[in-house]
Amino acid sequence: MHIIINHSSMVPIYEQIMDQIKTLIIGGELEADTCLPSVRALSAELKISALTVKKAYDNLEAEGFTVTVHGKGTFVAAANQQFLKEEQKKEVERALEAAIAKGRRCSLPDEELRQLFELIMEDKTC
């Protein structure tokens, strides 16, 4: 598992860790029952406080992405597909909201934004 921390970002480090682990889980790169690095190991690797990693792991567990087994470690939760699909929709929704906001900052009318969206949907095969 490769996590990159941006120390100059306004996003707290624990949130950066959470976001990257969520992305790996949602993308299928981290499968159910995969053991995450220990808090101490990840904190040493990232050269950050173990408390920061612990906060990220605790929040991931609270959101249902991981399960911690005392004495064994933290594992990717066996999430149901509907939950993962909902998380993916939220991610796409945020990206679309950002694109709409940028379009409005550029003074594009809503109809032009819709046309751009349709044009891109027709062009892209991915």
N, C-alpha and C. Protein backbone atom coordinates (compact mmCIF):
# COMPACT_ATOMS: atom_id res chain seq x y z
N MET A 1 0.86 -1.18 0.00
CA MET A 1 0.00 0.00 0.00
C MET A 1 0.90 1.24 0.00
N HIS A 2 0.69 2.09 -0.97
CA HIS A 2 1.52 3.28 -1.12
C HIS A 2 0.67 4.53 -0.85
N ILE A 3 1.01 5.24 0.21
CA ILE A 3 0.28 6.45 0.58
C ILE A 3 1.24 7.63 0.48
N ILE A 4 0.76 8.71 -0.13
CA ILE A 4 1.57 9.91 -0.27
C ILE A 4 0.93 11.02 0.55
N ILE A 5 1.74 11.64 1.40
CA ILE A 5 1.27 12.73 2.25
C ILE A 5 1.78 14.05 1.69
N ASN A 6 0.88 15.00 1.54
CA ASN A 6 1.24 16.35 1.10
C ASN A 6 1.22 17.24 2.34
N HIS A 7 2.40 17.55 2.85
CA HIS A 7 2.49 18.33 4.08
C HIS A 7 2.11 19.80 3.88
N SER A 8 2.07 20.26 2.64
CA SER A 8 1.69 21.66 2.40
C SER A 8 0.20 21.81 2.09
N SER A 9 -0.52 20.68 2.06
CA SER A 9 -1.96 20.71 1.80
C SER A 9 -2.72 21.23 3.01
N MET A 10 -3.86 21.85 2.74
CA MET A 10 -4.74 22.32 3.81
C MET A 10 -5.57 21.16 4.39
N VAL A 11 -5.56 20.01 3.70
CA VAL A 11 -6.30 18.83 4.17
C VAL A 11 -5.47 18.17 5.27
N PRO A 12 -6.09 17.92 6.43
CA PRO A 12 -5.36 17.26 7.52
C PRO A 12 -4.76 15.92 7.07
N ILE A 13 -3.63 15.58 7.65
CA ILE A 13 -2.93 14.36 7.25
C ILE A 13 -3.79 13.11 7.45
N TYR A 14 -4.53 13.05 8.55
CA TYR A 14 -5.35 11.85 8.78
C TYR A 14 -6.42 11.71 7.69
N GLU A 15 -6.93 12.85 7.18
CA GLU A 15 -7.92 12.79 6.10
C GLU A 15 -7.28 12.36 4.79
N GLN A 16 -6.04 12.79 4.56
CA GLN A 16 -5.33 12.35 3.36
C GLN A 16 -5.15 10.84 3.38
N ILE A 17 -4.79 10.31 4.54
CA ILE A 17 -4.64 8.85 4.69
C ILE A 17 -5.97 8.16 4.44
N MET A 18 -7.01 8.66 5.08
CA MET A 18 -8.35 8.07 4.91
C MET A 18 -8.78 8.07 3.45
N ASP A 19 -8.63 9.22 2.79
CA ASP A 19 -9.08 9.34 1.40
C ASP A 19 -8.35 8.36 0.49
N GLN A 20 -7.05 8.21 0.70
CA GLN A 20 -6.29 7.30 -0.15
C GLN A 20 -6.64 5.84 0.11
N ILE A 21 -6.85 5.49 1.36
CA ILE A 21 -7.25 4.11 1.67
C ILE A 21 -8.65 3.83 1.14
N LYS A 22 -9.57 4.78 1.29
CA LYS A 22 -10.93 4.61 0.74
C LYS A 22 -10.86 4.40 -0.77
N THR A 23 -10.04 5.19 -1.45
CA THR A 23 -9.90 5.08 -2.90
C THR A 23 -9.40 3.69 -3.28
N LEU A 24 -8.44 3.17 -2.53
CA LEU A 24 -7.92 1.83 -2.80
C LEU A 24 -8.97 0.76 -2.57
N ILE A 25 -9.80 0.94 -1.54
CA ILE A 25 -10.86 -0.04 -1.24
C ILE A 25 -11.95 0.04 -2.31
N ILE A 26 -12.42 1.24 -2.60
CA ILE A 26 -13.49 1.41 -3.58
C ILE A 26 -13.04 0.95 -4.96
N GLY A 27 -11.79 1.21 -5.29
CA GLY A 27 -11.25 0.80 -6.58
C GLY A 27 -10.93 -0.68 -6.68
N GLY A 28 -11.06 -1.40 -5.58
CA GLY A 28 -10.83 -2.84 -5.59
C GLY A 28 -9.37 -3.24 -5.43
N GLU A 29 -8.48 -2.27 -5.22
CA GLU A 29 -7.06 -2.58 -5.04
C GLU A 29 -6.80 -3.19 -3.66
N LEU A 30 -7.61 -2.83 -2.68
CA LEU A 30 -7.56 -3.45 -1.36
C LEU A 30 -8.85 -4.25 -1.20
N GLU A 31 -8.72 -5.55 -1.17
CA GLU A 31 -9.89 -6.41 -1.08
C GLU A 31 -10.27 -6.70 0.37
N ALA A 32 -11.46 -7.20 0.55
CA ALA A 32 -11.94 -7.56 1.88
C ALA A 32 -10.96 -8.49 2.58
N ASP A 33 -10.81 -8.30 3.86
CA ASP A 33 -9.94 -9.09 4.74
C ASP A 33 -8.44 -8.84 4.53
N THR A 34 -8.08 -7.85 3.69
CA THR A 34 -6.67 -7.49 3.54
C THR A 34 -6.23 -6.76 4.80
N CYS A 35 -5.10 -7.14 5.34
CA CYS A 35 -4.58 -6.51 6.55
C CYS A 35 -3.84 -5.23 6.18
N LEU A 36 -4.22 -4.14 6.83
CA LEU A 36 -3.52 -2.87 6.63
C LEU A 36 -2.25 -2.86 7.47
N PRO A 37 -1.28 -2.03 7.10
CA PRO A 37 -0.07 -1.93 7.93
C PRO A 37 -0.45 -1.52 9.35
N SER A 38 0.33 -1.94 10.31
CA SER A 38 0.06 -1.55 11.69
C SER A 38 0.19 -0.04 11.82
N VAL A 39 -0.42 0.51 12.85
CA VAL A 39 -0.35 1.95 13.10
C VAL A 39 1.10 2.38 13.20
N ARG A 40 1.89 1.64 13.96
CA ARG A 40 3.30 2.01 14.15
C ARG A 40 4.08 1.90 12.85
N ALA A 41 3.83 0.84 12.08
CA ALA A 41 4.56 0.65 10.82
C ALA A 41 4.24 1.77 9.83
N LEU A 42 2.95 2.11 9.70
CA LEU A 42 2.57 3.16 8.75
C LEU A 42 3.07 4.53 9.22
N SER A 43 3.01 4.78 10.51
CA SER A 43 3.50 6.07 11.01
C SER A 43 5.00 6.19 10.79
N ALA A 44 5.74 5.11 10.96
CA ALA A 44 7.18 5.13 10.71
C ALA A 44 7.47 5.34 9.22
N GLU A 45 6.71 4.63 8.38
CA GLU A 45 6.90 4.75 6.93
C GLU A 45 6.63 6.18 6.44
N LEU A 46 5.56 6.79 6.97
CA LEU A 46 5.17 8.14 6.54
C LEU A 46 5.87 9.24 7.34
N LYS A 47 6.59 8.83 8.39
CA LYS A 47 7.30 9.78 9.27
C LYS A 47 6.32 10.79 9.89
N ILE A 48 5.25 10.24 10.44
CA ILE A 48 4.24 11.05 11.12
C ILE A 48 3.90 10.39 12.46
N SER A 49 3.11 11.08 13.25
CA SER A 49 2.71 10.57 14.56
C SER A 49 1.82 9.33 14.42
N ALA A 50 2.03 8.38 15.31
CA ALA A 50 1.17 7.20 15.35
C ALA A 50 -0.27 7.59 15.68
N LEU A 51 -0.44 8.66 16.44
CA LEU A 51 -1.80 9.13 16.78
C LEU A 51 -2.56 9.58 15.54
N THR A 52 -1.85 10.14 14.57
CA THR A 52 -2.48 10.58 13.32
C THR A 52 -2.99 9.38 12.54
N VAL A 53 -2.16 8.35 12.44
CA VAL A 53 -2.57 7.12 11.74
C VAL A 53 -3.72 6.46 12.49
N LYS A 54 -3.64 6.44 13.81
CA LYS A 54 -4.71 5.84 14.63
C LYS A 54 -6.03 6.55 14.39
N LYS A 55 -5.99 7.89 14.30
CA LYS A 55 -7.21 8.65 14.04
C LYS A 55 -7.79 8.29 12.67
N ALA A 56 -6.94 8.15 11.68
CA ALA A 56 -7.40 7.76 10.33
C ALA A 56 -8.04 6.37 10.38
N TYR A 57 -7.36 5.42 11.03
CA TYR A 57 -7.88 4.06 11.11
C TYR A 57 -9.20 4.02 11.89
N ASP A 58 -9.28 4.77 12.98
CA ASP A 58 -10.53 4.80 13.77
C ASP A 58 -11.68 5.35 12.94
N ASN A 59 -11.42 6.41 12.18
CA ASN A 59 -12.47 7.00 11.34
C ASN A 59 -12.88 6.06 10.21
N LEU A 60 -11.91 5.37 9.63
CA LEU A 60 -12.24 4.39 8.58
C LEU A 60 -13.13 3.28 9.14
N GLU A 61 -12.85 2.88 10.37
CA GLU A 61 -13.68 1.85 11.00
C GLU A 61 -15.08 2.38 11.29
N ALA A 62 -15.14 3.62 11.77
CA ALA A 62 -16.45 4.23 12.06
C ALA A 62 -17.30 4.36 10.80
N GLU A 63 -16.65 4.54 9.66
CA GLU A 63 -17.38 4.68 8.39
C GLU A 63 -17.65 3.33 7.73
N GLY A 64 -17.17 2.24 8.35
CA GLY A 64 -17.46 0.90 7.84
C GLY A 64 -16.49 0.38 6.80
N PHE A 65 -15.37 1.05 6.60
CA PHE A 65 -14.40 0.59 5.61
C PHE A 65 -13.45 -0.46 6.16
N THR A 66 -13.20 -0.41 7.47
CA THR A 66 -12.25 -1.35 8.07
C THR A 66 -12.83 -1.94 9.35
N VAL A 67 -12.18 -3.01 9.80
CA VAL A 67 -12.53 -3.66 11.05
C VAL A 67 -11.22 -3.91 11.78
N THR A 68 -11.17 -3.54 13.07
CA THR A 68 -9.97 -3.78 13.86
C THR A 68 -10.21 -4.95 14.80
N VAL A 69 -9.30 -5.91 14.77
CA VAL A 69 -9.35 -7.07 15.65
C VAL A 69 -8.21 -6.90 16.64
N HIS A 70 -8.56 -6.75 17.91
CA HIS A 70 -7.56 -6.52 18.94
C HIS A 70 -6.48 -7.60 18.91
N GLY A 71 -5.25 -7.17 18.84
CA GLY A 71 -4.13 -8.10 18.83
C GLY A 71 -3.80 -8.67 17.46
N LYS A 72 -4.65 -8.43 16.48
CA LYS A 72 -4.43 -8.98 15.13
C LYS A 72 -4.14 -7.89 14.10
N GLY A 73 -4.84 -6.75 14.21
CA GLY A 73 -4.63 -5.67 13.27
C GLY A 73 -5.91 -5.10 12.71
N THR A 74 -5.74 -4.25 11.71
CA THR A 74 -6.87 -3.60 11.04
C THR A 74 -7.00 -4.20 9.65
N PHE A 75 -8.23 -4.60 9.32
CA PHE A 75 -8.50 -5.29 8.06
C PHE A 75 -9.57 -4.55 7.27
N VAL A 76 -9.49 -4.68 5.95
CA VAL A 76 -10.53 -4.12 5.09
C VAL A 76 -11.82 -4.89 5.37
N ALA A 77 -12.88 -4.14 5.62
CA ALA A 77 -14.17 -4.76 5.93
C ALA A 77 -14.75 -5.42 4.69
N ALA A 78 -15.50 -6.47 4.93
CA ALA A 78 -16.23 -7.13 3.85
C ALA A 78 -17.47 -6.30 3.57
N ALA A 79 -17.28 -5.23 2.81
CA ALA A 79 -18.37 -4.29 2.53
C ALA A 79 -19.31 -4.86 1.49
N ASN A 80 -20.57 -4.50 1.63
CA ASN A 80 -21.49 -4.95 0.61
C ASN A 80 -21.35 -4.07 -0.63
N GLN A 81 -21.70 -4.61 -1.76
CA GLN A 81 -21.52 -3.91 -3.04
C GLN A 81 -22.35 -2.63 -3.13
N GLN A 82 -23.51 -2.62 -2.49
CA GLN A 82 -24.35 -1.43 -2.53
C GLN A 82 -23.66 -0.27 -1.81
N PHE A 83 -23.00 -0.54 -0.69
CA PHE A 83 -22.28 0.49 0.04
C PHE A 83 -21.15 1.06 -0.81
N LEU A 84 -20.36 0.17 -1.45
CA LEU A 84 -19.27 0.63 -2.30
C LEU A 84 -19.78 1.44 -3.48
N LYS A 85 -20.88 1.01 -4.08
CA LYS A 85 -21.46 1.72 -5.21
C LYS A 85 -21.91 3.12 -4.78
N GLU A 86 -22.48 3.22 -3.60
CA GLU A 86 -22.92 4.51 -3.07
C GLU A 86 -21.73 5.44 -2.86
N GLU A 87 -20.63 4.90 -2.36
CA GLU A 87 -19.41 5.70 -2.17
C GLU A 87 -18.86 6.18 -3.51
N GLN A 88 -18.91 5.32 -4.51
CA GLN A 88 -18.46 5.71 -5.85
C GLN A 88 -19.34 6.82 -6.42
N LYS A 89 -20.65 6.72 -6.20
CA LYS A 89 -21.56 7.77 -6.67
C LYS A 89 -21.25 9.10 -6.01
N LYS A 90 -20.96 9.06 -4.70
CA LYS A 90 -20.63 10.29 -3.98
C LYS A 90 -19.38 10.93 -4.57
N GLU A 91 -18.40 10.10 -4.92
CA GLU A 91 -17.15 10.61 -5.49
C GLU A 91 -17.41 11.29 -6.84
N VAL A 92 -18.22 10.66 -7.69
CA VAL A 92 -18.56 11.24 -8.99
C VAL A 92 -19.37 12.52 -8.79
N GLU A 93 -20.28 12.49 -7.84
CA GLU A 93 -21.10 13.66 -7.54
C GLU A 93 -20.23 14.86 -7.16
N ARG A 94 -19.23 14.63 -6.31
CA ARG A 94 -18.33 15.72 -5.91
C ARG A 94 -17.57 16.28 -7.11
N ALA A 95 -17.12 15.39 -8.00
CA ALA A 95 -16.39 15.84 -9.19
C ALA A 95 -17.29 16.66 -10.11
N LEU A 96 -18.53 16.21 -10.27
CA LEU A 96 -19.46 16.95 -11.11
C LEU A 96 -19.81 18.31 -10.50
N GLU A 97 -19.99 18.34 -9.19
CA GLU A 97 -20.27 19.61 -8.52
C GLU A 97 -19.12 20.59 -8.71
N ALA A 98 -17.89 20.09 -8.65
CA ALA A 98 -16.71 20.95 -8.84
C ALA A 98 -16.67 21.47 -10.28
N ALA A 99 -17.00 20.61 -11.25
CA ALA A 99 -17.00 21.03 -12.65
C ALA A 99 -18.09 22.08 -12.90
N ILE A 100 -19.26 21.89 -12.32
CA ILE A 100 -20.35 22.86 -12.48
C ILE A 100 -19.96 24.20 -11.85
N ALA A 101 -19.38 24.14 -10.67
CA ALA A 101 -18.95 25.38 -10.00
C ALA A 101 -17.93 26.12 -10.85
N LYS A 102 -17.00 25.39 -11.45
CA LYS A 102 -15.98 26.02 -12.29
C LYS A 102 -16.64 26.63 -13.53
N GLY A 103 -17.57 25.92 -14.12
CA GLY A 103 -18.29 26.45 -15.29
C GLY A 103 -19.03 27.74 -14.96
N ARG A 104 -19.64 27.77 -13.79
CA ARG A 104 -20.37 28.98 -13.38
C ARG A 104 -19.42 30.12 -13.09
N ARG A 105 -18.24 29.81 -12.52
CA ARG A 105 -17.24 30.86 -12.29
C ARG A 105 -16.76 31.44 -13.62
N CYS A 106 -16.82 30.63 -14.68
CA CYS A 106 -16.43 31.09 -16.02
C CYS A 106 -17.62 31.70 -16.75
N SER A 107 -18.73 31.89 -16.04
CA SER A 107 -19.95 32.52 -16.57
C SER A 107 -20.60 31.73 -17.71
N LEU A 108 -20.44 30.41 -17.68
CA LEU A 108 -21.12 29.58 -18.68
C LEU A 108 -22.57 29.36 -18.23
N PRO A 109 -23.52 29.59 -19.13
CA PRO A 109 -24.92 29.32 -18.77
C PRO A 109 -25.14 27.81 -18.57
N ASP A 110 -26.14 27.48 -17.78
CA ASP A 110 -26.43 26.06 -17.48
C ASP A 110 -26.63 25.24 -18.75
N GLU A 111 -27.28 25.83 -19.75
CA GLU A 111 -27.53 25.09 -20.99
C GLU A 111 -26.22 24.73 -21.69
N GLU A 112 -25.24 25.63 -21.67
CA GLU A 112 -23.94 25.33 -22.27
C GLU A 112 -23.22 24.24 -21.48
N LEU A 113 -23.36 24.26 -20.16
CA LEU A 113 -22.77 23.20 -19.34
C LEU A 113 -23.38 21.85 -19.68
N ARG A 114 -24.70 21.83 -19.85
CA ARG A 114 -25.38 20.58 -20.23
C ARG A 114 -24.89 20.09 -21.59
N GLN A 115 -24.75 21.02 -22.54
CA GLN A 115 -24.27 20.65 -23.87
C GLN A 115 -22.85 20.09 -23.80
N LEU A 116 -22.00 20.73 -23.00
CA LEU A 116 -20.64 20.22 -22.83
C LEU A 116 -20.64 18.82 -22.25
N PHE A 117 -21.48 18.62 -21.25
CA PHE A 117 -21.59 17.31 -20.61
C PHE A 117 -22.00 16.27 -21.65
N GLU A 118 -23.04 16.57 -22.42
CA GLU A 118 -23.52 15.64 -23.44
C GLU A 118 -22.45 15.36 -24.49
N LEU A 119 -21.74 16.40 -24.90
CA LEU A 119 -20.69 16.25 -25.90
C LEU A 119 -19.57 15.35 -25.38
N ILE A 120 -19.18 15.57 -24.15
CA ILE A 120 -18.13 14.75 -23.55
C ILE A 120 -18.60 13.31 -23.38
N MET A 121 -19.85 13.13 -22.97
CA MET A 121 -20.40 11.77 -22.83
C MET A 121 -20.39 11.03 -24.18
N GLU A 122 -20.68 11.74 -25.26
CA GLU A 122 -20.68 11.11 -26.58
C GLU A 122 -19.27 10.76 -27.04
N ASP A 123 -18.31 11.63 -26.73
CA ASP A 123 -16.92 11.45 -27.20
C ASP A 123 -16.17 10.38 -26.42
N LYS A 124 -16.43 10.27 -25.15
CA LYS A 124 -15.64 9.38 -24.30
C LYS A 124 -16.21 7.97 -24.34
N THR A 125 -15.32 7.04 -24.55
CA THR A 125 -15.74 5.63 -24.54
C THR A 125 -15.26 4.93 -23.29
N CYS A 126 -14.66 5.67 -22.34
CA CYS A 126 -14.15 5.03 -21.13
C CYS A 126 -15.20 4.98 -20.05
